Amino acid sequence: MYFAALLARTEDGWEASDTELDDVETLSDLADLARDASSDDDTVIVLIEQEGGWFGVVRVDGEEDPRIYVSEAAAAARSSYGEILLTDELLGREPGDDGTDLDSLDLDGTEDGEPDGEDTGAADDDGAVSTGSADAVPHGPVGDAQVLEDLGVSEKELRSMTGDAVNEIADALGASEVLETVR
């Protein structure tokens, strides 16, 4: 189950709104949605969580590029909402690079020196076998872990959050009551 909310910082404190991400296809779309929630180019925090799997924080300050933190990249990569956040830049790869080096593939699609027809991938937690590069999407957190540092959530605190991270973040920001109204 997913939950997504926008927290917009105003003169009077935080305002929360739940958000539908069905029409959001890119990080740029998400940043535009966040900017629309702010009247004065104030800070907007987008919180996304998949219950028990991962959470993401996107911070948009006016027209600046969004800052992103994802708690578990590999889990988020299996989610359509997570894929929005896991940009090539965030994952440290060139645009369009899916982790497979085409120059190292034989004509039959196997890697140089790899026996034909033999599975060389390892099963993940869901039992799915990955035959691509193990470095394509790392396990663990990615992004800017200091994304909320100036708002009272340290890097160490953010990295240690698990299960109820969205509520913990809202509580640290002083926005738990407004978040509860949209939950």
C-alpha atoms as a PDB file:
ATOM      1  CA  MET A   1       0.000   0.000   0.000  1.00  0.00           C
ATOM      2  CA  TYR A   2       1.293   3.431  -0.942  1.00  0.00           C
ATOM      3  CA  PHE A   3       0.862   6.804   0.679  1.00  0.00           C
ATOM      4  CA  ALA A   4       1.966  10.125  -0.764  1.00  0.00           C
ATOM      5  CA  ALA A   5       1.571  13.594   0.711  1.00  0.00           C
ATOM      6  CA  LEU A   6       2.807  17.105   0.099  1.00  0.00           C
ATOM      7  CA  LEU A   7       3.889  19.298   2.998  1.00  0.00           C
ATOM      8  CA  ALA A   8       4.114  22.944   1.949  1.00  0.00           C
ATOM      9  CA  ARG A   9       5.858  25.358   4.279  1.00  0.00           C
ATOM     10  CA  THR A  10       4.021  28.651   4.744  1.00  0.00           C
ATOM     11  CA  GLU A  11       4.276  31.682   7.028  1.00  0.00           C
ATOM     12  CA  ASP A  12       1.733  29.991   9.298  1.00  0.00           C
ATOM     13  CA  GLY A  13       3.479  26.608   9.435  1.00  0.00           C
ATOM     14  CA  TRP A  14       3.027  23.495   7.343  1.00  0.00           C
ATOM     15  CA  GLU A  15       0.047  22.731   5.119  1.00  0.00           C
ATOM     16  CA  ALA A  16      -0.554  19.152   4.042  1.00  0.00           C
ATOM     17  CA  SER A  17      -2.341  17.672   1.084  1.00  0.00           C
ATOM     18  CA  ASP A  18      -2.556  14.121  -0.080  1.00  0.00           C
ATOM     19  CA  THR A  19      -1.639  13.668  -3.656  1.00  0.00           C
ATOM     20  CA  GLU A  20      -2.445  11.293  -6.443  1.00  0.00           C
ATOM     21  CA  LEU A  21       0.648  10.245  -8.330  1.00  0.00           C
ATOM     22  CA  ASP A  22      -1.250   8.457 -11.109  1.00  0.00           C
ATOM     23  CA  ASP A  23      -0.593  11.307 -13.570  1.00  0.00           C
ATOM     24  CA  VAL A  24       3.023  11.794 -12.468  1.00  0.00           C
ATOM     25  CA  GLU A  25       5.423  10.058 -14.837  1.00  0.00           C
ATOM     26  CA  THR A  26       8.724  11.842 -14.204  1.00  0.00           C
ATOM     27  CA  LEU A  27      10.599  13.621 -11.455  1.00  0.00           C
ATOM     28  CA  SER A  28       9.967  16.848 -13.350  1.00  0.00           C
ATOM     29  CA  ASP A  29       6.191  16.222 -13.163  1.00  0.00           C
ATOM     30  CA  LEU A  30       6.506  15.601  -9.422  1.00  0.00           C
ATOM     31  CA  ALA A  31       8.539  18.791  -8.918  1.00  0.00           C
ATOM     32  CA  ASP A  32       5.917  20.781 -10.857  1.00  0.00           C
ATOM     33  CA  LEU A  33       3.173  19.291  -8.680  1.00  0.00           C
ATOM     34  CA  ALA A  34       5.118  20.334  -5.581  1.00  0.00           C
ATOM     35  CA  ARG A  35       5.712  23.853  -6.904  1.00  0.00           C
ATOM     36  CA  ASP A  36       1.996  24.212  -7.593  1.00  0.00           C
ATOM     37  CA  ALA A  37       1.323  23.472  -3.906  1.00  0.00           C
ATOM     38  CA  SER A  38       3.392  26.495  -2.836  1.00  0.00           C
ATOM     39  CA  SER A  39       2.220  30.046  -3.356  1.00  0.00           C
ATOM     40  CA  ASP A  40       5.514  31.836  -2.660  1.00  0.00           C
ATOM     41  CA  ASP A  41       8.222  29.421  -3.819  1.00  0.00           C
ATOM     42  CA  ASP A  42       8.415  28.116  -0.260  1.00  0.00           C
ATOM     43  CA  THR A  43       9.792  24.702   0.626  1.00  0.00           C
ATOM     44  CA  VAL A  44       7.612  21.753  -0.311  1.00  0.00           C
ATOM     45  CA  ILE A  45       8.346  18.247   0.929  1.00  0.00           C
ATOM     46  CA  VAL A  46       6.893  15.274  -0.925  1.00  0.00           C
ATOM     47  CA  LEU A  47       6.718  12.145   1.204  1.00  0.00           C
ATOM     48  CA  ILE A  48       6.108   8.792  -0.454  1.00  0.00           C
ATOM     49  CA  GLU A  49       6.054   5.448   1.289  1.00  0.00           C
ATOM     50  CA  GLN A  50       5.332   1.881   0.430  1.00  0.00           C
ATOM     51  CA  GLU A  51       4.274   0.220   3.638  1.00  0.00           C
ATOM     52  CA  GLY A  52       7.073  -1.978   4.933  1.00  0.00           C
ATOM     53  CA  GLY A  53       9.208  -1.519   1.824  1.00  0.00           C
ATOM     54  CA  TRP A  54      10.718   1.908   1.359  1.00  0.00           C
ATOM     55  CA  PHE A  55      10.125   5.630   1.679  1.00  0.00           C
ATOM     56  CA  GLY A  56      11.201   8.615  -0.328  1.00  0.00           C
ATOM     57  CA  VAL A  57      11.601  12.311   0.401  1.00  0.00           C
ATOM     58  CA  VAL A  58      11.639  14.918  -2.350  1.00  0.00           C
ATOM     59  CA  ARG A  59      12.360  18.503  -1.395  1.00  0.00           C
ATOM     60  CA  VAL A  60      11.539  21.338  -3.762  1.00  0.00           C
ATOM     61  CA  ASP A  61      12.683  24.853  -2.904  1.00  0.00           C
ATOM     62  CA  GLY A  62      11.303  27.279  -5.485  1.00  0.00           C
ATOM     63  CA  GLU A  63      12.812  26.733  -8.911  1.00  0.00           C
ATOM     64  CA  GLU A  64      15.862  24.836  -7.625  1.00  0.00           C
ATOM     65  CA  ASP A  65      16.381  21.237  -8.696  1.00  0.00           C
ATOM     66  CA  PRO A  66      14.587  18.787  -6.413  1.00  0.00           C
ATOM     67  CA  ARG A  67      16.628  17.055  -3.725  1.00  0.00           C
ATOM     68  CA  ILE A  68      15.836  13.366  -3.265  1.00  0.00           C
ATOM     69  CA  TYR A  69      16.384  10.676  -0.678  1.00  0.00           C
ATOM     70  CA  VAL A  70      15.196   7.070  -1.072  1.00  0.00           C
ATOM     71  CA  SER A  71      15.549   4.688   1.869  1.00  0.00           C
ATOM     72  CA  GLU A  72      15.865   1.435  -0.112  1.00  0.00           C
ATOM     73  CA  ALA A  73      16.682   1.840  -3.799  1.00  0.00           C
ATOM     74  CA  ALA A  74      16.307  -1.810  -4.799  1.00  0.00           C
ATOM     75  CA  ALA A  75      12.814  -2.021  -3.298  1.00  0.00           C
ATOM     76  CA  ALA A  76      11.825   1.335  -4.799  1.00  0.00           C
ATOM     77  CA  ALA A  77      13.027   0.201  -8.235  1.00  0.00           C
ATOM     78  CA  ARG A  78      10.286  -2.432  -8.232  1.00  0.00           C
ATOM     79  CA  SER A  79       7.653   0.284  -7.735  1.00  0.00           C
ATOM     80  CA  SER A  80       6.251   2.632 -10.358  1.00  0.00           C
ATOM     81  CA  TYR A  81       6.401   5.483  -7.839  1.00  0.00           C
ATOM     82  CA  GLY A  82       9.930   4.576  -6.849  1.00  0.00           C
ATOM     83  CA  GLU A  83      11.031   4.577 -10.468  1.00  0.00           C
ATOM     84  CA  ILE A  84      10.019   8.254 -10.651  1.00  0.00           C
ATOM     85  CA  LEU A  85      12.551   9.085  -7.929  1.00  0.00           C
ATOM     86  CA  LEU A  86      15.387   6.818  -9.056  1.00  0.00           C
ATOM     87  CA  THR A  87      16.828   9.010 -11.773  1.00  0.00           C
ATOM     88  CA  ASP A  88      20.024   8.141 -13.628  1.00  0.00           C
ATOM     89  CA  GLU A  89      21.750  11.011 -11.828  1.00  0.00           C
ATOM     90  CA  LEU A  90      20.647   9.746  -8.403  1.00  0.00           C
ATOM     91  CA  LEU A  91      21.928   6.266  -9.232  1.00  0.00           C
ATOM     92  CA  GLY A  92      25.226   7.637 -10.567  1.00  0.00           C
ATOM     93  CA  ARG A  93      24.862   6.377 -14.112  1.00  0.00           C
ATOM     94  CA  GLU A  94      24.774   7.964 -17.512  1.00  0.00           C
ATOM     95  CA  PRO A  95      21.288   8.721 -18.919  1.00  0.00           C
ATOM     96  CA  GLY A  96      19.896   5.661 -20.681  1.00  0.00           C
ATOM     97  CA  ASP A  97      22.385   3.294 -19.027  1.00  0.00           C
ATOM     98  CA  ASP A  98      20.397   0.421 -17.572  1.00  0.00           C
ATOM     99  CA  GLY A  99      23.448  -1.262 -16.103  1.00  0.00           C
ATOM    100  CA  THR A 100      24.091  -3.491 -19.119  1.00  0.00           C
ATOM    101  CA  ASP A 101      27.246  -2.853 -21.119  1.00  0.00           C
ATOM    102  CA  LEU A 102      26.176  -3.635 -24.682  1.00  0.00           C
ATOM    103  CA  ASP A 103      29.788  -3.806 -25.865  1.00  0.00           C
ATOM    104  CA  SER A 104      30.409  -6.804 -23.604  1.00  0.00           C
ATOM    105  CA  LEU A 105      27.489  -8.822 -24.993  1.00  0.00           C
ATOM    106  CA  ASP A 106      27.899 -11.548 -27.606  1.00  0.00           C
ATOM    107  CA  LEU A 107      25.530 -11.628 -30.557  1.00  0.00           C
ATOM    108  CA  ASP A 108      23.264 -14.068 -28.698  1.00  0.00           C
ATOM    109  CA  GLY A 109      22.852 -11.598 -25.794  1.00  0.00           C
ATOM    110  CA  THR A 110      25.082 -13.435 -23.306  1.00  0.00           C
ATOM    111  CA  GLU A 111      28.087 -11.758 -21.777  1.00  0.00           C
ATOM    112  CA  ASP A 112      31.554 -12.538 -23.115  1.00  0.00           C
ATOM    113  CA  GLY A 113      32.747 -15.790 -21.588  1.00  0.00           C
ATOM    114  CA  GLU A 114      29.305 -16.657 -20.173  1.00  0.00           C
ATOM    115  CA  PRO A 115      28.038 -20.124 -21.093  1.00  0.00           C
ATOM    116  CA  ASP A 116      24.971 -20.078 -23.345  1.00  0.00           C
ATOM    117  CA  GLY A 117      21.679 -21.013 -21.706  1.00  0.00           C
ATOM    118  CA  GLU A 118      23.009 -21.044 -18.166  1.00  0.00           C
ATOM    119  CA  ASP A 119      21.427 -18.771 -15.556  1.00  0.00           C
ATOM    120  CA  THR A 120      24.082 -16.674 -13.853  1.00  0.00           C
ATOM    121  CA  GLY A 121      21.745 -14.393 -11.941  1.00  0.00           C
ATOM    122  CA  ALA A 122      20.994 -14.505  -8.254  1.00  0.00           C
ATOM    123  CA  ALA A 123      17.518 -14.597  -6.773  1.00  0.00           C
ATOM    124  CA  ASP A 124      16.415 -11.562  -4.790  1.00  0.00           C
ATOM    125  CA  ASP A 125      14.101 -11.473  -1.767  1.00  0.00           C
ATOM    126  CA  ASP A 126      11.038 -11.961  -3.982  1.00  0.00           C
ATOM    127  CA  GLY A 127      12.587 -14.945  -5.767  1.00  0.00           C
ATOM    128  CA  ALA A 128      13.045 -12.979  -8.988  1.00  0.00           C
ATOM    129  CA  VAL A 129      16.303 -13.652 -10.788  1.00  0.00           C
ATOM    130  CA  SER A 130      18.369 -10.706 -11.895  1.00  0.00           C
ATOM    131  CA  THR A 131      20.736 -11.367 -14.752  1.00  0.00           C
ATOM    132  CA  GLY A 132      21.698  -7.709 -15.306  1.00  0.00           C
ATOM    133  CA  SER A 133      24.473  -5.852 -13.591  1.00  0.00           C
ATOM    134  CA  ALA A 134      24.371  -6.127  -9.816  1.00  0.00           C
ATOM    135  CA  ASP A 135      25.297  -2.449  -9.674  1.00  0.00           C
ATOM    136  CA  ALA A 136      22.288  -1.290 -11.720  1.00  0.00           C
ATOM    137  CA  VAL A 137      20.282  -0.368  -8.600  1.00  0.00           C
ATOM    138  CA  PRO A 138      22.045  -0.563  -5.253  1.00  0.00           C
ATOM    139  CA  HIS A 139      20.511  -2.048  -2.141  1.00  0.00           C
ATOM    140  CA  GLY A 140      20.153   0.491   0.641  1.00  0.00           C
ATOM    141  CA  PRO A 141      19.642   4.236   0.694  1.00  0.00           C
ATOM    142  CA  VAL A 142      20.493   6.601  -2.152  1.00  0.00           C
ATOM    143  CA  GLY A 143      20.321  10.336  -2.571  1.00  0.00           C
ATOM    144  CA  ASP A 144      20.752  13.347  -0.340  1.00  0.00           C
ATOM    145  CA  ALA A 145      20.499  12.133   3.263  1.00  0.00           C
ATOM    146  CA  GLN A 146      20.889  15.747   4.415  1.00  0.00           C
ATOM    147  CA  VAL A 147      17.730  16.791   2.564  1.00  0.00           C
ATOM    148  CA  LEU A 148      15.942  17.682   5.838  1.00  0.00           C
ATOM    149  CA  GLU A 149      18.955  18.610   7.986  1.00  0.00           C
ATOM    150  CA  ASP A 150      18.084  22.334   8.218  1.00  0.00           C
ATOM    151  CA  LEU A 151      14.500  21.410   9.133  1.00  0.00           C
ATOM    152  CA  GLY A 152      15.472  19.325  12.150  1.00  0.00           C
ATOM    153  CA  VAL A 153      15.979  15.816  10.748  1.00  0.00           C
ATOM    154  CA  SER A 154      19.648  14.874  10.751  1.00  0.00           C
ATOM    155  CA  GLU A 155      21.256  12.551   8.238  1.00  0.00           C
ATOM    156  CA  LYS A 156      21.722   9.936  10.956  1.00  0.00           C
ATOM    157  CA  GLU A 157      18.048  10.128  11.962  1.00  0.00           C
ATOM    158  CA  LEU A 158      16.844   9.894   8.371  1.00  0.00           C
ATOM    159  CA  ARG A 159      19.035   6.880   7.621  1.00  0.00           C
ATOM    160  CA  SER A 160      17.829   5.084  10.757  1.00  0.00           C
ATOM    161  CA  MET A 161      14.128   5.504   9.977  1.00  0.00           C
ATOM    162  CA  THR A 162      12.158   2.473   8.910  1.00  0.00           C
ATOM    163  CA  GLY A 163       8.505   1.405   9.211  1.00  0.00           C
ATOM    164  CA  ASP A 164       6.730   4.654  10.083  1.00  0.00           C
ATOM    165  CA  ALA A 165       9.226   7.103   8.573  1.00  0.00           C
ATOM    166  CA  VAL A 166       6.640   9.466   7.081  1.00  0.00           C
ATOM    167  CA  ASN A 167       5.044  10.055  10.491  1.00  0.00           C
ATOM    168  CA  GLU A 168       8.467  10.368  12.135  1.00  0.00           C
ATOM    169  CA  ILE A 169       9.499  12.993   9.578  1.00  0.00           C
ATOM    170  CA  ALA A 170       6.232  14.908   9.950  1.00  0.00           C
ATOM    171  CA  ASP A 171       6.630  14.826  13.737  1.00  0.00           C
ATOM    172  CA  ALA A 172      10.194  16.183  13.521  1.00  0.00           C
ATOM    173  CA  LEU A 173       8.996  18.965  11.200  1.00  0.00           C
ATOM    174  CA  GLY A 174       6.126  19.847  13.532  1.00  0.00           C
ATOM    175  CA  ALA A 175       3.631  18.807  10.859  1.00  0.00           C
ATOM    176  CA  SER A 176       2.217  15.582  12.274  1.00  0.00           C
ATOM    177  CA  GLU A 177      -1.234  17.057  12.961  1.00  0.00           C
ATOM    178  CA  VAL A 178      -1.649  18.440   9.438  1.00  0.00           C
ATOM    179  CA  LEU A 179      -0.337  15.213   7.938  1.00  0.00           C
ATOM    180  CA  GLU A 180      -2.858  13.223   9.961  1.00  0.00           C
ATOM    181  CA  THR A 181      -5.689  15.209   8.368  1.00  0.00           C
ATOM    182  CA  VAL A 182      -4.774  13.817   4.921  1.00  0.00           C
ATOM    183  CA  ARG A 183      -3.760  10.321   5.928  1.00  0.00           C
END
